[in-house]
């Protein structure tokens, strides 16, 4: 029954937040996704081919991944996905390099990479990071930042501190290139603790203004009772035309296996001339 209800909810949300029409102009479109892969839980070997197939279908230029794990017995999950899809992989973690067990976030891309960097976010005990990649798209640089903020409901102050720390990091790389910030923020786009992203637009929310009122969720109802949209792509205001946004990786396999306990967020953007 729970599986049936989850499937019905997915259908109803699809109707509530229908896909924005694709523009027909010839300007190049940047395809971006973010997805929390739920590390190795819920039978990772069964989930892996679902994730590969559904990510491949998105044909994204950039994919941010959260809850990426590697152990002595498990190859780095982001590298496994990147190899399967033909993307370069940037994995960031507060766990020391060379340690068998590492946990963190990753960016997959098929675009040329000009530079990469990352920082640990305060407080260090929370093991949170923000990564950065300077990518080349349509002959111009794009800054992509990816993160995963503190998870507890009562952790607003921690998320605020982490995002303020991240914004300081972003400032060190800001030389005028348009920027994106994406990941699992563990908060609604309108949450006060995300105020540090002033100057950035929640792409999904901008294209679907009634989404949150309609109960659109990126928490998979098969795993969660709450309905919240916490996986976001933020685009620097005025630097991108917002073309399309939808919830993705929300389809189970024939045996009822879900790709993750989260759904993904996928957007299409067109950089402006500014």
Protein backbone atom coordinates (compact mmCIF):
# COMPACT_ATOMS: atom_id res chain seq x y z
CA UNK A 1 0.00 0.00 0.00
CA UNK A 2 2.81 2.44 0.85
CA UNK A 3 4.42 1.76 -2.53
CA UNK A 4 1.11 2.35 -4.31
CA UNK A 5 0.57 5.63 -2.45
CA UNK A 6 4.08 6.74 -3.34
CA UNK A 7 3.49 6.01 -7.01
CA UNK A 8 0.16 7.88 -6.97
CA UNK A 9 1.82 10.87 -5.30
CA UNK A 10 4.50 10.97 -7.98
CA UNK A 11 1.80 11.07 -10.66
CA UNK A 12 -0.14 13.81 -8.91
CA UNK A 13 2.96 15.94 -8.39
CA UNK A 14 3.88 15.53 -12.04
CA UNK A 15 0.50 16.98 -12.94
CA UNK A 16 0.85 19.79 -10.40
CA UNK A 17 4.35 20.81 -11.51
CA UNK A 18 4.37 20.05 -15.19
CA UNK A 19 7.53 20.37 -17.19
CA UNK A 20 8.20 23.85 -18.52
CA UNK A 21 8.20 23.95 -22.31
CA UNK A 22 11.60 23.85 -23.97
CA UNK A 23 12.55 27.03 -25.76
CA UNK A 24 13.23 26.80 -29.48
CA UNK A 25 15.94 29.42 -29.80
CA UNK A 26 19.32 28.31 -31.11
CA UNK A 27 21.32 29.54 -28.09
CA UNK A 28 23.06 26.66 -26.29
CA UNK A 29 21.34 25.19 -23.26
CA UNK A 30 23.12 24.07 -20.10
CA UNK A 31 21.60 20.91 -18.58
CA UNK A 32 22.15 20.52 -14.84
CA UNK A 33 21.07 17.93 -12.26
CA UNK A 34 21.53 17.32 -8.54
CA UNK A 35 20.85 14.01 -6.81
CA UNK A 36 21.39 12.50 -3.35
CA UNK A 37 22.34 8.86 -4.01
CA UNK A 38 21.77 7.52 -0.41
CA UNK A 39 25.31 6.04 -0.21
CA UNK A 40 25.21 2.20 -0.08
CA UNK A 41 21.86 1.71 1.64
CA UNK A 42 18.72 0.05 0.18
CA UNK A 43 20.61 -2.48 -1.95
CA UNK A 44 23.03 -0.28 -3.86
CA UNK A 45 23.83 -2.98 -6.47
CA UNK A 46 20.15 -3.06 -7.47
CA UNK A 47 19.84 0.74 -7.43
CA UNK A 48 22.99 1.40 -9.46
CA UNK A 49 21.65 0.41 -12.91
CA UNK A 50 18.47 2.41 -12.30
CA UNK A 51 20.52 5.50 -11.48
CA UNK A 52 22.77 5.02 -14.50
CA UNK A 53 19.83 4.60 -16.87
CA UNK A 54 17.85 7.55 -15.52
CA UNK A 55 20.87 9.86 -15.39
CA UNK A 56 21.83 8.89 -18.91
CA UNK A 57 18.34 9.77 -20.12
CA UNK A 58 18.76 13.31 -18.73
CA UNK A 59 21.74 13.96 -21.00
CA UNK A 60 23.02 16.47 -18.41
CA UNK A 61 26.17 18.53 -18.79
CA UNK A 62 26.68 18.75 -15.01
CA UNK A 63 25.52 16.40 -12.24
CA UNK A 64 26.05 17.02 -8.52
CA UNK A 65 25.90 13.97 -6.25
CA UNK A 66 25.54 13.85 -2.48
CA UNK A 67 26.13 11.06 0.05
CA UNK A 68 28.86 9.49 -2.05
CA UNK A 69 30.70 6.65 -0.34
CA UNK A 70 33.79 4.57 -0.89
CA UNK A 71 35.13 1.81 1.34
CA UNK A 72 37.70 -0.95 1.13
CA UNK A 73 34.98 -3.12 -0.44
CA UNK A 74 33.06 -0.46 -2.38
CA UNK A 75 34.67 1.57 -5.19
CA UNK A 76 33.91 5.27 -5.08
CA UNK A 77 30.28 5.51 -6.13
CA UNK A 78 30.72 8.77 -8.03
CA UNK A 79 33.61 7.32 -10.00
CA UNK A 80 31.53 4.25 -10.80
CA UNK A 81 28.72 6.47 -12.12
CA UNK A 82 31.12 8.76 -13.97
CA UNK A 83 32.82 5.83 -15.68
CA UNK A 84 29.46 4.36 -16.71
CA UNK A 85 28.24 7.68 -18.11
CA UNK A 86 31.48 9.01 -19.59
CA UNK A 87 31.89 12.01 -17.25
CA UNK A 88 34.91 13.36 -15.42
CA UNK A 89 34.56 13.16 -11.63
CA UNK A 90 35.45 15.56 -8.84
CA UNK A 91 35.01 13.98 -5.40
CA UNK A 92 35.39 16.06 -2.22
CA UNK A 93 35.45 14.81 1.35
CA UNK A 94 36.73 15.82 4.76
CA UNK A 95 38.09 12.27 5.09
CA UNK A 96 41.83 12.16 4.30
CA UNK A 97 42.91 11.12 0.81
CA UNK A 98 44.24 7.58 0.79
CA UNK A 99 41.93 6.50 3.59
CA UNK A 100 39.84 3.48 2.48
CA UNK A 101 36.59 4.87 3.91
CA UNK A 102 35.66 8.27 2.49
CA UNK A 103 32.27 9.99 2.36
CA UNK A 104 31.38 13.20 0.60
CA UNK A 105 29.99 14.93 -2.48
CA UNK A 106 30.89 14.86 -6.15
CA UNK A 107 30.49 16.71 -9.42
CA UNK A 108 30.25 14.85 -12.71
CA UNK A 109 30.65 16.78 -15.94
CA UNK A 110 31.27 16.30 -19.62
CA UNK A 111 32.34 19.94 -20.03
CA UNK A 112 35.99 21.06 -20.11
CA UNK A 113 37.25 21.77 -16.58
CA UNK A 114 39.47 24.82 -16.12
CA UNK A 115 40.01 24.50 -12.37
CA UNK A 116 38.73 22.71 -9.26
CA UNK A 117 38.73 23.53 -5.57
CA UNK A 118 36.87 22.70 -2.38
CA UNK A 119 36.59 23.72 1.25
CA UNK A 120 35.44 22.15 4.49
CA UNK A 121 32.50 24.02 6.01
CA UNK A 122 32.24 25.01 9.67
CA UNK A 123 31.79 23.41 12.08
CA UNK A 124 34.38 20.88 10.95
CA UNK A 125 32.87 18.18 13.18
CA UNK A 126 29.82 18.09 10.87
CA UNK A 127 32.00 16.89 7.95
CA UNK A 128 30.34 19.16 5.36
CA UNK A 129 31.99 20.53 2.24
CA UNK A 130 31.49 22.84 -0.71
CA UNK A 131 33.19 22.03 -3.99
CA UNK A 132 33.89 24.33 -6.92
CA UNK A 133 34.54 23.73 -10.59
CA UNK A 134 35.28 26.38 -13.21
CA UNK A 135 33.80 24.89 -16.38
CA UNK A 136 33.90 25.98 -19.99
CA UNK A 137 30.49 26.16 -21.65
CA UNK A 138 29.81 27.57 -25.11
CA UNK A 139 33.11 29.42 -25.08
CA UNK A 140 32.68 31.07 -21.69
CA UNK A 141 33.43 30.17 -18.06
CA UNK A 142 30.74 29.00 -15.65
CA UNK A 143 31.32 28.58 -11.90
CA UNK A 144 29.56 25.57 -10.37
CA UNK A 145 29.43 25.12 -6.60
CA UNK A 146 28.06 21.96 -5.00
CA UNK A 147 27.28 21.13 -1.38
CA UNK A 148 25.26 19.14 1.15
CA UNK A 149 24.22 21.02 4.29
CA UNK A 150 23.46 19.80 7.81
CA UNK A 151 20.46 17.46 7.99
CA UNK A 152 18.62 17.75 11.31
CA UNK A 153 15.30 19.68 11.46
CA UNK A 154 16.57 21.72 14.40
CA UNK A 155 19.85 22.53 12.62
CA UNK A 156 18.88 25.86 11.05
CA UNK A 157 21.76 27.68 12.73
CA UNK A 158 24.27 25.11 11.50
CA UNK A 159 22.99 25.33 7.92
CA UNK A 160 23.12 29.12 8.07
CA UNK A 161 26.72 29.03 9.31
CA UNK A 162 27.72 26.49 6.66
CA UNK A 163 26.18 28.48 3.84
CA UNK A 164 27.74 31.72 5.06
CA UNK A 165 31.08 29.89 5.13
CA UNK A 166 30.37 28.61 1.63
CA UNK A 167 29.55 32.10 0.39
CA UNK A 168 32.94 33.29 1.65
CA UNK A 169 34.54 30.47 -0.33
CA UNK A 170 32.53 31.48 -3.39
CA UNK A 171 33.76 35.04 -3.03
CA UNK A 172 37.35 33.87 -3.39
CA UNK A 173 36.54 32.50 -6.86
CA UNK A 174 34.22 35.25 -8.07
CA UNK A 175 35.72 37.11 -11.01
CA UNK A 176 32.48 37.86 -12.80
CA UNK A 177 31.68 34.47 -14.34
CA UNK A 178 28.03 33.38 -13.96
CA UNK A 179 27.55 30.93 -11.10
CA UNK A 180 25.34 28.03 -10.01
CA UNK A 181 24.97 26.52 -6.54
CA UNK A 182 23.44 23.08 -6.32
CA UNK A 183 22.99 20.20 -3.92
CA UNK A 184 21.00 18.90 -0.98
CA UNK A 185 20.35 21.87 1.30
CA UNK A 186 18.13 20.01 3.77
CA UNK A 187 15.87 23.06 3.73
CA UNK A 188 13.24 24.63 1.54
CA UNK A 189 14.56 27.22 -0.89
CA UNK A 190 12.66 29.90 1.04
CA UNK A 191 14.07 28.88 4.46
CA UNK A 192 15.66 31.81 6.34
CA UNK A 193 18.94 29.93 6.80
CA UNK A 194 19.47 30.05 3.02
CA UNK A 195 19.45 33.86 3.02
CA UNK A 196 23.19 33.79 2.33
CA UNK A 197 22.25 32.88 -1.25
CA UNK A 198 20.90 36.37 -1.83
CA UNK A 199 21.36 37.14 -5.50
CA UNK A 200 20.57 33.58 -6.58
CA UNK A 201 17.29 32.18 -7.88
CA UNK A 202 15.70 28.83 -7.03
CA UNK A 203 15.25 27.63 -10.62
CA UNK A 204 12.52 25.07 -9.94
CA UNK A 205 10.57 27.46 -7.75
CA UNK A 206 10.83 30.27 -10.27
CA UNK A 207 9.44 28.10 -13.08
CA UNK A 208 6.82 26.41 -10.87
CA UNK A 209 5.64 29.09 -8.39
CA UNK A 210 2.93 26.84 -6.95
CA UNK A 211 5.18 23.83 -6.49
CA UNK A 212 5.57 24.00 -2.72
CA UNK A 213 1.87 24.72 -2.20
CA UNK A 214 1.16 21.66 -4.34
CA UNK A 215 3.40 19.51 -2.14
CA UNK A 216 6.16 18.88 -4.65
CA UNK A 217 8.84 16.85 -2.86
CA UNK A 218 12.36 15.62 -3.47
CA UNK A 219 12.07 13.33 -0.46
CA UNK A 220 10.90 9.99 -1.84
CA UNK A 221 7.54 9.15 -0.16
CA UNK A 222 8.51 5.47 -0.16
CA UNK A 223 11.10 6.38 2.51
CA UNK A 224 9.73 9.56 4.10
CA UNK A 225 6.36 10.62 5.47
CA UNK A 226 7.18 14.31 5.07
CA UNK A 227 6.90 16.11 1.75
CA UNK A 228 9.65 18.69 1.22
CA UNK A 229 11.62 20.05 -1.70
CA UNK A 230 15.16 20.31 -0.37
CA UNK A 231 17.34 19.44 -3.40
CA UNK A 232 17.94 22.63 -5.33
CA UNK A 233 19.68 24.32 -8.22
CA UNK A 234 20.24 28.03 -7.59
CA UNK A 235 21.25 30.22 -10.54
CA UNK A 236 22.83 33.64 -10.23
CA UNK A 237 20.07 36.16 -10.86
CA UNK A 238 20.15 37.87 -14.23
CA UNK A 239 22.88 35.61 -15.62
CA UNK A 240 20.72 32.78 -16.97
CA UNK A 241 17.48 32.36 -18.83
CA UNK A 242 15.46 29.72 -16.98
CA UNK A 243 14.18 27.23 -19.55
CA UNK A 244 13.00 24.07 -17.79
CA UNK A 245 12.87 22.42 -14.36
CA UNK A 246 11.52 19.07 -13.21
CA UNK A 247 11.80 16.42 -10.53
CA UNK A 248 13.68 13.37 -11.86
CA UNK A 249 14.97 9.95 -10.80
CA UNK A 250 11.50 9.41 -9.39
CA UNK A 251 10.66 6.16 -11.19
CA UNK A 252 11.12 2.73 -9.57
CA UNK A 253 12.32 -0.35 -11.38
CA UNK A 254 10.02 -3.19 -12.39
CA UNK A 255 10.72 -4.94 -9.08
CA UNK A 256 9.82 -1.85 -7.02
CA UNK A 257 13.42 -0.77 -6.36
CA UNK A 258 13.80 3.02 -6.19
CA UNK A 259 16.92 4.86 -7.38
CA UNK A 260 17.30 6.54 -3.95
CA UNK A 261 15.48 7.85 -0.91
CA UNK A 262 15.57 11.25 -2.68
CA UNK A 263 14.39 12.34 -6.07
CA UNK A 264 16.65 14.50 -8.20
CA UNK A 265 16.21 18.02 -9.54
CA UNK A 266 16.96 18.73 -13.18
CA UNK A 267 17.06 22.14 -14.86
CA UNK A 268 17.87 23.60 -18.25
CA UNK A 269 19.41 27.06 -18.42
CA UNK A 270 20.62 29.39 -21.09
CA UNK A 271 23.46 31.75 -20.05
CA UNK A 272 22.72 35.33 -20.98
CA UNK A 273 25.14 37.80 -22.47
CA UNK A 274 25.68 39.57 -19.16
